[in-house]
Amino acid sequence: MVAALALATDTFVYSVAIPVLPRLAARHHLALDSLGLLFGTYA
């Protein structure tokens, strides 16, 4: 039971989290950068 759960978690992490997380982080970082540029310009 525990081994199956660990295997499922590993499969999930390798198939979903690794491809998706960098993309999400990049998008979030880009949004923060553009907000910073806007506020930096008008400050």
C-alpha atoms as a PDB file:
ATOM      1  CA  MET A   1       0.000   0.000   0.000  1.00  0.00           C
ATOM      2  CA  VAL A   2       2.700   2.482   0.999  1.00  0.00           C
ATOM      3  CA  ALA A   3       4.918   1.421  -1.904  1.00  0.00           C
ATOM      4  CA  ALA A   4       2.057   1.893  -4.367  1.00  0.00           C
ATOM      5  CA  LEU A   5       1.341   5.321  -2.919  1.00  0.00           C
ATOM      6  CA  ALA A   6       5.000   6.304  -3.158  1.00  0.00           C
ATOM      7  CA  LEU A   7       5.149   5.085  -6.749  1.00  0.00           C
ATOM      8  CA  ALA A   8       2.009   7.014  -7.634  1.00  0.00           C
ATOM      9  CA  THR A   9       3.430  10.139  -5.993  1.00  0.00           C
ATOM     10  CA  ASP A  10       6.720   9.767  -7.877  1.00  0.00           C
ATOM     11  CA  THR A  11       4.854   9.287 -11.147  1.00  0.00           C
ATOM     12  CA  PHE A  12       2.727  12.356 -10.446  1.00  0.00           C
ATOM     13  CA  VAL A  13       5.748  14.474  -9.552  1.00  0.00           C
ATOM     14  CA  TYR A  14       7.760  13.438 -12.596  1.00  0.00           C
ATOM     15  CA  SER A  15       4.886  13.656 -15.081  1.00  0.00           C
ATOM     16  CA  VAL A  16       3.070  16.751 -13.796  1.00  0.00           C
ATOM     17  CA  ALA A  17       5.018  18.848 -11.317  1.00  0.00           C
ATOM     18  CA  ILE A  18       8.363  18.931 -13.117  1.00  0.00           C
ATOM     19  CA  PRO A  19       6.980  20.101 -16.491  1.00  0.00           C
ATOM     20  CA  VAL A  20       4.356  22.439 -15.007  1.00  0.00           C
ATOM     21  CA  LEU A  21       6.080  24.093 -12.052  1.00  0.00           C
ATOM     22  CA  PRO A  22       8.839  25.887 -13.981  1.00  0.00           C
ATOM     23  CA  ARG A  23       6.261  27.181 -16.432  1.00  0.00           C
ATOM     24  CA  LEU A  24       4.071  28.469 -13.590  1.00  0.00           C
ATOM     25  CA  ALA A  25       7.070  29.985 -11.829  1.00  0.00           C
ATOM     26  CA  ALA A  26       8.187  31.710 -15.023  1.00  0.00           C
ATOM     27  CA  ARG A  27       4.710  33.103 -15.626  1.00  0.00           C
ATOM     28  CA  HIS A  28       4.452  34.324 -12.033  1.00  0.00           C
ATOM     29  CA  HIS A  29       7.906  35.890 -12.227  1.00  0.00           C
ATOM     30  CA  LEU A  30       7.042  37.600 -15.496  1.00  0.00           C
ATOM     31  CA  ALA A  31       3.860  39.035 -13.978  1.00  0.00           C
ATOM     32  CA  LEU A  32       5.793  40.305 -10.960  1.00  0.00           C
ATOM     33  CA  ASP A  33       8.439  41.833 -13.208  1.00  0.00           C
ATOM     34  CA  SER A  34       5.896  43.675 -15.347  1.00  0.00           C
ATOM     35  CA  LEU A  35       4.106  44.935 -12.215  1.00  0.00           C
ATOM     36  CA  GLY A  36       7.433  46.118 -10.843  1.00  0.00           C
ATOM     37  CA  LEU A  37       8.164  47.920 -14.096  1.00  0.00           C
ATOM     38  CA  LEU A  38       4.788  49.641 -14.049  1.00  0.00           C
ATOM     39  CA  PHE A  39       5.072  50.742 -10.438  1.00  0.00           C
ATOM     40  CA  GLY A  40       8.727  51.673 -10.904  1.00  0.00           C
ATOM     41  CA  THR A  41       7.822  53.832 -13.879  1.00  0.00           C
ATOM     42  CA  TYR A  42       5.022  55.698 -12.106  1.00  0.00           C
ATOM     43  CA  ALA A  43       6.645  55.927  -8.688  1.00  0.00           C
END
